[in-house]
């Protein structure tokens, strides 16, 4: 049985980042195009690519680790695998401990992936929904605020913009690819992770989506007659105003803060 951890020269407990780094380092050295078609390099690169394929996928890695574990504890002619009752007990305890470690790591990887997906989805959904509400109700918090209120709005807006930019940058790096990535991958002989969306299509989605949300908000305002209310005089405007750009980034920031609090509370 091929030991993929030895192939990539990483430990059994290596993280996905360590596995990816090891793969990139070895692939640069062993890629056939960089070794004048050396058949030995081709074979080594094939092993490296297969090892990375298995170990970079949490489910495949867990299945592989369980197979290694069963093989290790089924090897004959060793004291550890003898029929001695004490040896059997120690073997069972060791097997359960290693098996539980495999499952714990797989769960941790899945949880990490889910958290990364949530950190992408929540800000985008909050951005779109808040844009709809801003276009539909046209709040005038800025006009109705005193100096301290205006300072608070500007501060939250700036922090919200920086926060949204950081979230989008992380999401783009994780889920999108660019032409430069593909070009570098070909030149270096590195197989990039499968990223489902191009960077340009993600930008178009955000821009067009925000525009559609403005249109939806205006349509809802027209259909349901939303607008200035005698109960809240001066709180809502009749027309779109520049101050509406303040509110979506602020909402994204507040939603993300609430999400973080909920996640930490859930883990306590």
C-alpha atoms as a PDB file:
ATOM      1  CA  UNK A   1       0.000   0.000   0.000  1.00  0.00           C
ATOM      2  CA  UNK A   2       1.448   3.359  -1.067  1.00  0.00           C
ATOM      3  CA  UNK A   3       2.026   5.745   1.831  1.00  0.00           C
ATOM      4  CA  UNK A   4       0.795   9.043   0.432  1.00  0.00           C
ATOM      5  CA  UNK A   5       2.090  10.938   3.446  1.00  0.00           C
ATOM      6  CA  UNK A   6       5.618   9.752   2.662  1.00  0.00           C
ATOM      7  CA  UNK A   7       5.115  10.592  -0.992  1.00  0.00           C
ATOM      8  CA  UNK A   8       4.350  14.219  -0.072  1.00  0.00           C
ATOM      9  CA  UNK A   9       6.855  14.174   2.813  1.00  0.00           C
ATOM     10  CA  UNK A  10       4.296  15.351   5.396  1.00  0.00           C
ATOM     11  CA  UNK A  11       3.147  13.981   8.746  1.00  0.00           C
ATOM     12  CA  UNK A  12      -0.045  11.990   9.258  1.00  0.00           C
ATOM     13  CA  UNK A  13      -1.551  15.021  11.004  1.00  0.00           C
ATOM     14  CA  UNK A  14      -0.650  17.561   8.319  1.00  0.00           C
ATOM     15  CA  UNK A  15      -3.206  20.274   7.629  1.00  0.00           C
ATOM     16  CA  UNK A  16      -4.665  20.898   4.190  1.00  0.00           C
ATOM     17  CA  UNK A  17      -2.455  23.979   3.854  1.00  0.00           C
ATOM     18  CA  UNK A  18       0.668  21.910   4.636  1.00  0.00           C
ATOM     19  CA  UNK A  19      -0.408  19.233   2.156  1.00  0.00           C
ATOM     20  CA  UNK A  20      -1.039  21.816  -0.542  1.00  0.00           C
ATOM     21  CA  UNK A  21       2.314  23.497   0.117  1.00  0.00           C
ATOM     22  CA  UNK A  22       4.142  20.154  -0.034  1.00  0.00           C
ATOM     23  CA  UNK A  23       2.399  19.267  -3.290  1.00  0.00           C
ATOM     24  CA  UNK A  24       3.299  22.557  -4.928  1.00  0.00           C
ATOM     25  CA  UNK A  25       6.925  22.253  -3.814  1.00  0.00           C
ATOM     26  CA  UNK A  26       7.328  18.682  -5.084  1.00  0.00           C
ATOM     27  CA  UNK A  27       5.366  19.256  -8.286  1.00  0.00           C
ATOM     28  CA  UNK A  28       7.689  22.092  -9.260  1.00  0.00           C
ATOM     29  CA  UNK A  29      10.664  19.747  -8.958  1.00  0.00           C
ATOM     30  CA  UNK A  30       9.156  16.585 -10.454  1.00  0.00           C
ATOM     31  CA  UNK A  31       6.907  17.792 -13.260  1.00  0.00           C
ATOM     32  CA  UNK A  32       7.904  15.948 -16.506  1.00  0.00           C
ATOM     33  CA  UNK A  33       7.996  19.188 -18.508  1.00  0.00           C
ATOM     34  CA  UNK A  34      10.662  20.500 -16.146  1.00  0.00           C
ATOM     35  CA  UNK A  35      12.742  17.291 -16.294  1.00  0.00           C
ATOM     36  CA  UNK A  36      13.153  16.786 -20.051  1.00  0.00           C
ATOM     37  CA  UNK A  37      10.562  14.014 -20.123  1.00  0.00           C
ATOM     38  CA  UNK A  38      12.451  11.848 -17.619  1.00  0.00           C
ATOM     39  CA  UNK A  39      10.290   8.682 -17.137  1.00  0.00           C
ATOM     40  CA  UNK A  40      11.288   8.476 -13.462  1.00  0.00           C
ATOM     41  CA  UNK A  41      10.131  12.023 -12.934  1.00  0.00           C
ATOM     42  CA  UNK A  42       6.865  11.190 -14.695  1.00  0.00           C
ATOM     43  CA  UNK A  43       6.236   8.257 -12.360  1.00  0.00           C
ATOM     44  CA  UNK A  44       7.114  10.307  -9.295  1.00  0.00           C
ATOM     45  CA  UNK A  45       4.881  13.145 -10.427  1.00  0.00           C
ATOM     46  CA  UNK A  46       1.995  10.708 -10.956  1.00  0.00           C
ATOM     47  CA  UNK A  47       2.413   9.456  -7.360  1.00  0.00           C
ATOM     48  CA  UNK A  48       2.597  13.034  -6.092  1.00  0.00           C
ATOM     49  CA  UNK A  49      -0.562  14.027  -7.992  1.00  0.00           C
ATOM     50  CA  UNK A  50      -2.443  10.957  -6.722  1.00  0.00           C
ATOM     51  CA  UNK A  51      -1.300  11.577  -3.152  1.00  0.00           C
ATOM     52  CA  UNK A  52      -2.471  15.173  -3.340  1.00  0.00           C
ATOM     53  CA  UNK A  53      -5.808  14.153  -4.860  1.00  0.00           C
ATOM     54  CA  UNK A  54      -6.501  11.805  -1.954  1.00  0.00           C
ATOM     55  CA  UNK A  55      -5.094  13.804   0.951  1.00  0.00           C
ATOM     56  CA  UNK A  56      -6.555  17.159  -0.112  1.00  0.00           C
ATOM     57  CA  UNK A  57     -10.085  15.751  -0.068  1.00  0.00           C
ATOM     58  CA  UNK A  58     -11.358  15.333   3.537  1.00  0.00           C
ATOM     59  CA  UNK A  59     -13.586  12.331   2.764  1.00  0.00           C
ATOM     60  CA  UNK A  60     -11.042  10.533   0.575  1.00  0.00           C
ATOM     61  CA  UNK A  61      -8.351  11.196   3.170  1.00  0.00           C
ATOM     62  CA  UNK A  62     -10.526   9.798   5.964  1.00  0.00           C
ATOM     63  CA  UNK A  63     -11.243   6.648   3.921  1.00  0.00           C
ATOM     64  CA  UNK A  64      -7.545   6.288   3.126  1.00  0.00           C
ATOM     65  CA  UNK A  65      -6.542   6.743   6.775  1.00  0.00           C
ATOM     66  CA  UNK A  66      -9.070   4.128   7.894  1.00  0.00           C
ATOM     67  CA  UNK A  67      -7.694   1.704   5.290  1.00  0.00           C
ATOM     68  CA  UNK A  68      -4.129   2.339   6.540  1.00  0.00           C
ATOM     69  CA  UNK A  69      -5.301   1.823  10.089  1.00  0.00           C
ATOM     70  CA  UNK A  70      -6.987  -1.496   9.340  1.00  0.00           C
ATOM     71  CA  UNK A  71      -3.909  -2.690   7.455  1.00  0.00           C
ATOM     72  CA  UNK A  72      -1.597  -1.703  10.287  1.00  0.00           C
ATOM     73  CA  UNK A  73      -3.641  -3.545  12.907  1.00  0.00           C
ATOM     74  CA  UNK A  74      -4.042  -6.652  10.751  1.00  0.00           C
ATOM     75  CA  UNK A  75      -0.348  -7.277  10.089  1.00  0.00           C
ATOM     76  CA  UNK A  76       0.575 -10.810  11.276  1.00  0.00           C
ATOM     77  CA  UNK A  77       3.567 -12.111  13.211  1.00  0.00           C
ATOM     78  CA  UNK A  78       4.005  -9.180  15.578  1.00  0.00           C
ATOM     79  CA  UNK A  79       3.830  -9.079  19.335  1.00  0.00           C
ATOM     80  CA  UNK A  80       1.384  -6.191  19.147  1.00  0.00           C
ATOM     81  CA  UNK A  81      -1.002  -8.257  17.008  1.00  0.00           C
ATOM     82  CA  UNK A  82      -0.695 -11.465  18.992  1.00  0.00           C
ATOM     83  CA  UNK A  83      -3.666 -13.292  20.520  1.00  0.00           C
ATOM     84  CA  UNK A  84      -2.583 -12.324  23.997  1.00  0.00           C
ATOM     85  CA  UNK A  85      -5.635 -10.761  25.782  1.00  0.00           C
ATOM     86  CA  UNK A  86      -3.575  -7.776  26.938  1.00  0.00           C
ATOM     87  CA  UNK A  87      -2.238  -7.220  23.422  1.00  0.00           C
ATOM     88  CA  UNK A  88      -5.771  -7.405  22.005  1.00  0.00           C
ATOM     89  CA  UNK A  89      -6.981  -4.858  24.555  1.00  0.00           C
ATOM     90  CA  UNK A  90      -4.114  -2.469  23.817  1.00  0.00           C
ATOM     91  CA  UNK A  91      -4.657  -2.958  20.093  1.00  0.00           C
ATOM     92  CA  UNK A  92      -8.352  -2.170  20.387  1.00  0.00           C
ATOM     93  CA  UNK A  93      -7.691   0.946  22.457  1.00  0.00           C
ATOM     94  CA  UNK A  94      -5.056   2.178  20.002  1.00  0.00           C
ATOM     95  CA  UNK A  95      -7.322   1.465  17.049  1.00  0.00           C
ATOM     96  CA  UNK A  96     -10.231   3.361  18.591  1.00  0.00           C
ATOM     97  CA  UNK A  97      -8.008   6.300  19.482  1.00  0.00           C
ATOM     98  CA  UNK A  98      -6.594   6.580  15.969  1.00  0.00           C
ATOM     99  CA  UNK A  99     -10.008   6.043  14.379  1.00  0.00           C
ATOM    100  CA  UNK A 100     -11.558   8.773  16.533  1.00  0.00           C
ATOM    101  CA  UNK A 101      -8.702  11.100  15.587  1.00  0.00           C
ATOM    102  CA  UNK A 102      -9.462  10.484  11.895  1.00  0.00           C
ATOM    103  CA  UNK A 103     -13.150  11.237  12.378  1.00  0.00           C
ATOM    104  CA  UNK A 104     -12.402  14.328  14.482  1.00  0.00           C
ATOM    105  CA  UNK A 105     -10.086  15.685  11.804  1.00  0.00           C
ATOM    106  CA  UNK A 106     -12.649  15.054   9.057  1.00  0.00           C
ATOM    107  CA  UNK A 107     -15.361  16.814  11.091  1.00  0.00           C
ATOM    108  CA  UNK A 108     -12.998  19.723  11.774  1.00  0.00           C
ATOM    109  CA  UNK A 109     -12.200  20.071   8.065  1.00  0.00           C
ATOM    110  CA  UNK A 110     -15.890  19.998   7.146  1.00  0.00           C
ATOM    111  CA  UNK A 111     -16.682  22.561   9.833  1.00  0.00           C
ATOM    112  CA  UNK A 112     -13.882  24.784   8.573  1.00  0.00           C
ATOM    113  CA  UNK A 113     -15.249  24.557   5.035  1.00  0.00           C
ATOM    114  CA  UNK A 114     -18.776  25.348   6.234  1.00  0.00           C
ATOM    115  CA  UNK A 115     -17.526  28.381   8.155  1.00  0.00           C
ATOM    116  CA  UNK A 116     -15.665  29.621   5.070  1.00  0.00           C
ATOM    117  CA  UNK A 117     -18.831  29.217   2.999  1.00  0.00           C
ATOM    118  CA  UNK A 118     -20.887  31.065   5.608  1.00  0.00           C
ATOM    119  CA  UNK A 119     -18.360  33.914   5.669  1.00  0.00           C
ATOM    120  CA  UNK A 120     -18.970  34.212   1.916  1.00  0.00           C
ATOM    121  CA  UNK A 121     -22.747  33.814   1.829  1.00  0.00           C
ATOM    122  CA  UNK A 122     -23.760  35.908   4.838  1.00  0.00           C
ATOM    123  CA  UNK A 123     -22.123  39.199   3.721  1.00  0.00           C
ATOM    124  CA  UNK A 124     -23.443  38.870   0.154  1.00  0.00           C
ATOM    125  CA  UNK A 125     -26.987  38.091   1.304  1.00  0.00           C
ATOM    126  CA  UNK A 126     -26.858  40.922   3.845  1.00  0.00           C
ATOM    127  CA  UNK A 127     -25.588  43.289   1.125  1.00  0.00           C
ATOM    128  CA  UNK A 128     -28.391  42.386  -1.288  1.00  0.00           C
ATOM    129  CA  UNK A 129     -31.217  42.396   1.289  1.00  0.00           C
ATOM    130  CA  UNK A 130     -30.117  45.693   2.846  1.00  0.00           C
ATOM    131  CA  UNK A 131     -29.884  47.248  -0.632  1.00  0.00           C
ATOM    132  CA  UNK A 132     -33.481  46.206  -1.320  1.00  0.00           C
ATOM    133  CA  UNK A 133     -34.669  47.736   1.950  1.00  0.00           C
ATOM    134  CA  UNK A 134     -32.673  50.938   1.426  1.00  0.00           C
ATOM    135  CA  UNK A 135     -34.154  51.397  -2.052  1.00  0.00           C
ATOM    136  CA  UNK A 136     -37.663  50.540  -0.867  1.00  0.00           C
ATOM    137  CA  UNK A 137     -37.826  52.759   2.249  1.00  0.00           C
ATOM    138  CA  UNK A 138     -35.151  55.417   1.487  1.00  0.00           C
ATOM    139  CA  UNK A 139     -34.253  56.148   5.121  1.00  0.00           C
ATOM    140  CA  UNK A 140     -32.883  59.572   6.040  1.00  0.00           C
ATOM    141  CA  UNK A 141     -30.890  58.797   9.154  1.00  0.00           C
ATOM    142  CA  UNK A 142     -28.034  61.032   7.984  1.00  0.00           C
ATOM    143  CA  UNK A 143     -30.189  64.113   7.471  1.00  0.00           C
ATOM    144  CA  UNK A 144     -31.945  63.613  10.813  1.00  0.00           C
ATOM    145  CA  UNK A 145     -28.746  63.022  12.790  1.00  0.00           C
ATOM    146  CA  UNK A 146     -26.736  65.528  14.786  1.00  0.00           C
ATOM    147  CA  UNK A 147     -22.953  65.864  14.471  1.00  0.00           C
ATOM    148  CA  UNK A 148     -22.244  62.863  16.700  1.00  0.00           C
ATOM    149  CA  UNK A 149     -24.762  60.770  14.781  1.00  0.00           C
ATOM    150  CA  UNK A 150     -23.153  61.699  11.472  1.00  0.00           C
ATOM    151  CA  UNK A 151     -19.713  60.811  12.844  1.00  0.00           C
ATOM    152  CA  UNK A 152     -21.079  57.434  13.991  1.00  0.00           C
ATOM    153  CA  UNK A 153     -22.635  56.751  10.570  1.00  0.00           C
ATOM    154  CA  UNK A 154     -19.437  57.664   8.701  1.00  0.00           C
ATOM    155  CA  UNK A 155     -17.319  55.579  11.087  1.00  0.00           C
ATOM    156  CA  UNK A 156     -19.577  52.533  10.739  1.00  0.00           C
ATOM    157  CA  UNK A 157     -19.652  53.020   6.958  1.00  0.00           C
ATOM    158  CA  UNK A 158     -15.858  53.105   6.661  1.00  0.00           C
ATOM    159  CA  UNK A 159     -15.439  50.073   8.935  1.00  0.00           C
ATOM    160  CA  UNK A 160     -18.218  48.308   7.020  1.00  0.00           C
ATOM    161  CA  UNK A 161     -16.582  48.993   3.652  1.00  0.00           C
ATOM    162  CA  UNK A 162     -13.214  47.699   4.875  1.00  0.00           C
ATOM    163  CA  UNK A 163     -14.876  44.657   6.422  1.00  0.00           C
ATOM    164  CA  UNK A 164     -16.862  43.900   3.261  1.00  0.00           C
ATOM    165  CA  UNK A 165     -13.736  44.296   1.104  1.00  0.00           C
ATOM    166  CA  UNK A 166     -11.848  41.881   3.354  1.00  0.00           C
ATOM    167  CA  UNK A 167     -14.646  39.319   3.211  1.00  0.00           C
ATOM    168  CA  UNK A 168     -14.942  39.580  -0.567  1.00  0.00           C
ATOM    169  CA  UNK A 169     -11.173  39.299  -1.031  1.00  0.00           C
ATOM    170  CA  UNK A 170     -11.065  36.111   1.073  1.00  0.00           C
ATOM    171  CA  UNK A 171     -14.036  34.685  -0.842  1.00  0.00           C
ATOM    172  CA  UNK A 172     -12.470  35.509  -4.203  1.00  0.00           C
ATOM    173  CA  UNK A 173      -9.209  33.815  -3.210  1.00  0.00           C
ATOM    174  CA  UNK A 174     -11.021  30.690  -2.055  1.00  0.00           C
ATOM    175  CA  UNK A 175     -13.757  30.257  -4.662  1.00  0.00           C
ATOM    176  CA  UNK A 176     -12.667  32.101  -7.808  1.00  0.00           C
ATOM    177  CA  UNK A 177      -9.845  31.885 -10.315  1.00  0.00           C
ATOM    178  CA  UNK A 178      -8.354  34.411 -12.715  1.00  0.00           C
ATOM    179  CA  UNK A 179      -6.570  34.187 -16.035  1.00  0.00           C
ATOM    180  CA  UNK A 180      -3.288  34.938 -14.231  1.00  0.00           C
ATOM    181  CA  UNK A 181      -3.817  31.924 -11.932  1.00  0.00           C
ATOM    182  CA  UNK A 182      -4.283  29.615 -14.914  1.00  0.00           C
ATOM    183  CA  UNK A 183      -1.250  31.079 -16.702  1.00  0.00           C
ATOM    184  CA  UNK A 184       0.985  30.674 -13.637  1.00  0.00           C
ATOM    185  CA  UNK A 185      -0.332  27.168 -13.070  1.00  0.00           C
ATOM    186  CA  UNK A 186       0.607  26.117 -16.611  1.00  0.00           C
ATOM    187  CA  UNK A 187       4.059  27.696 -16.439  1.00  0.00           C
ATOM    188  CA  UNK A 188       4.883  26.149 -13.057  1.00  0.00           C
ATOM    189  CA  UNK A 189       3.320  22.786 -13.776  1.00  0.00           C
ATOM    190  CA  UNK A 190       1.030  23.104 -10.770  1.00  0.00           C
ATOM    191  CA  UNK A 191      -2.516  21.781 -10.731  1.00  0.00           C
ATOM    192  CA  UNK A 192      -4.608  24.398  -8.963  1.00  0.00           C
ATOM    193  CA  UNK A 193      -7.471  23.450  -6.671  1.00  0.00           C
ATOM    194  CA  UNK A 194     -10.843  23.338  -8.354  1.00  0.00           C
ATOM    195  CA  UNK A 195     -12.410  26.765  -7.959  1.00  0.00           C
ATOM    196  CA  UNK A 196     -15.932  26.922  -9.360  1.00  0.00           C
ATOM    197  CA  UNK A 197     -16.175  30.547 -10.534  1.00  0.00           C
ATOM    198  CA  UNK A 198     -14.067  32.953 -12.517  1.00  0.00           C
ATOM    199  CA  UNK A 199     -13.162  36.227 -10.818  1.00  0.00           C
ATOM    200  CA  UNK A 200     -14.776  38.295 -13.559  1.00  0.00           C
ATOM    201  CA  UNK A 201     -18.079  36.405 -13.291  1.00  0.00           C
ATOM    202  CA  UNK A 202     -18.085  36.934  -9.510  1.00  0.00           C
ATOM    203  CA  UNK A 203     -17.578  40.689  -9.971  1.00  0.00           C
ATOM    204  CA  UNK A 204     -20.370  40.804 -12.558  1.00  0.00           C
ATOM    205  CA  UNK A 205     -22.635  38.860 -10.176  1.00  0.00           C
ATOM    206  CA  UNK A 206     -22.038  41.369  -7.375  1.00  0.00           C
ATOM    207  CA  UNK A 207     -22.497  44.448  -9.567  1.00  0.00           C
ATOM    208  CA  UNK A 208     -25.543  43.163 -11.438  1.00  0.00           C
ATOM    209  CA  UNK A 209     -27.004  41.674  -8.245  1.00  0.00           C
ATOM    210  CA  UNK A 210     -26.724  44.994  -6.419  1.00  0.00           C
ATOM    211  CA  UNK A 211     -28.339  46.796  -9.342  1.00  0.00           C
ATOM    212  CA  UNK A 212     -31.188  44.284  -9.424  1.00  0.00           C
ATOM    213  CA  UNK A 213     -31.691  44.720  -5.679  1.00  0.00           C
ATOM    214  CA  UNK A 214     -32.091  48.479  -6.169  1.00  0.00           C
ATOM    215  CA  UNK A 215     -34.662  47.800  -8.909  1.00  0.00           C
ATOM    216  CA  UNK A 216     -36.499  45.278  -6.691  1.00  0.00           C
ATOM    217  CA  UNK A 217     -36.601  47.771  -3.825  1.00  0.00           C
ATOM    218  CA  UNK A 218     -38.044  50.475  -6.083  1.00  0.00           C
ATOM    219  CA  UNK A 219     -40.588  48.014  -7.478  1.00  0.00           C
ATOM    220  CA  UNK A 220     -41.692  46.966  -3.988  1.00  0.00           C
ATOM    221  CA  UNK A 221     -42.023  50.634  -3.027  1.00  0.00           C
ATOM    222  CA  UNK A 222     -44.235  51.227  -6.058  1.00  0.00           C
ATOM    223  CA  UNK A 223     -46.388  48.127  -5.554  1.00  0.00           C
ATOM    224  CA  UNK A 224     -46.964  48.482  -1.810  1.00  0.00           C
ATOM    225  CA  UNK A 225     -46.926  52.260  -1.647  1.00  0.00           C
ATOM    226  CA  UNK A 226     -43.958  52.444   0.696  1.00  0.00           C
ATOM    227  CA  UNK A 227     -42.715  55.905   1.491  1.00  0.00           C
ATOM    228  CA  UNK A 228     -42.908  58.780   3.978  1.00  0.00           C
ATOM    229  CA  UNK A 229     -45.202  57.949   6.877  1.00  0.00           C
ATOM    230  CA  UNK A 230     -47.087  60.379   9.165  1.00  0.00           C
ATOM    231  CA  UNK A 231     -46.010  58.170  12.066  1.00  0.00           C
ATOM    232  CA  UNK A 232     -42.335  58.854  11.288  1.00  0.00           C
ATOM    233  CA  UNK A 233     -42.198  62.292   9.671  1.00  0.00           C
ATOM    234  CA  UNK A 234     -38.905  63.045   7.960  1.00  0.00           C
ATOM    235  CA  UNK A 235     -37.518  59.507   8.430  1.00  0.00           C
ATOM    236  CA  UNK A 236     -38.026  58.410   4.821  1.00  0.00           C
ATOM    237  CA  UNK A 237     -37.408  60.253   1.571  1.00  0.00           C
ATOM    238  CA  UNK A 238     -39.438  60.385  -1.640  1.00  0.00           C
ATOM    239  CA  UNK A 239     -36.421  60.012  -3.914  1.00  0.00           C
ATOM    240  CA  UNK A 240     -33.131  58.129  -3.910  1.00  0.00           C
ATOM    241  CA  UNK A 241     -30.494  60.103  -2.022  1.00  0.00           C
ATOM    242  CA  UNK A 242     -26.690  59.713  -1.863  1.00  0.00           C
ATOM    243  CA  UNK A 243     -26.813  58.774   1.811  1.00  0.00           C
ATOM    244  CA  UNK A 244     -28.359  55.391   0.897  1.00  0.00           C
ATOM    245  CA  UNK A 245     -24.880  54.076   0.050  1.00  0.00           C
ATOM    246  CA  UNK A 246     -24.054  54.261   3.777  1.00  0.00           C
ATOM    247  CA  UNK A 247     -26.472  51.607   4.933  1.00  0.00           C
ATOM    248  CA  UNK A 248     -25.709  48.309   3.095  1.00  0.00           C
ATOM    249  CA  UNK A 249     -22.050  48.124   4.303  1.00  0.00           C
ATOM    250  CA  UNK A 250     -23.173  48.983   7.841  1.00  0.00           C
ATOM    251  CA  UNK A 251     -25.805  46.223   7.752  1.00  0.00           C
ATOM    252  CA  UNK A 252     -23.224  43.723   6.448  1.00  0.00           C
ATOM    253  CA  UNK A 253     -20.916  44.637   9.346  1.00  0.00           C
ATOM    254  CA  UNK A 254     -23.674  44.269  11.961  1.00  0.00           C
ATOM    255  CA  UNK A 255     -24.918  40.962  10.509  1.00  0.00           C
ATOM    256  CA  UNK A 256     -21.399  39.554  10.510  1.00  0.00           C
ATOM    257  CA  UNK A 257     -20.873  40.635  14.134  1.00  0.00           C
ATOM    258  CA  UNK A 258     -24.127  38.921  15.150  1.00  0.00           C
ATOM    259  CA  UNK A 259     -23.094  35.814  13.221  1.00  0.00           C
ATOM    260  CA  UNK A 260     -19.760  35.671  15.037  1.00  0.00           C
ATOM    261  CA  UNK A 261     -21.507  36.033  18.405  1.00  0.00           C
ATOM    262  CA  UNK A 262     -23.957  33.251  17.490  1.00  0.00           C
ATOM    263  CA  UNK A 263     -21.143  30.929  16.407  1.00  0.00           C
ATOM    264  CA  UNK A 264     -19.123  31.544  19.586  1.00  0.00           C
ATOM    265  CA  UNK A 265     -22.222  31.062  21.746  1.00  0.00           C
ATOM    266  CA  UNK A 266     -22.975  27.800  19.951  1.00  0.00           C
ATOM    267  CA  UNK A 267     -19.450  26.512  20.630  1.00  0.00           C
ATOM    268  CA  UNK A 268     -19.502  27.381  24.329  1.00  0.00           C
END
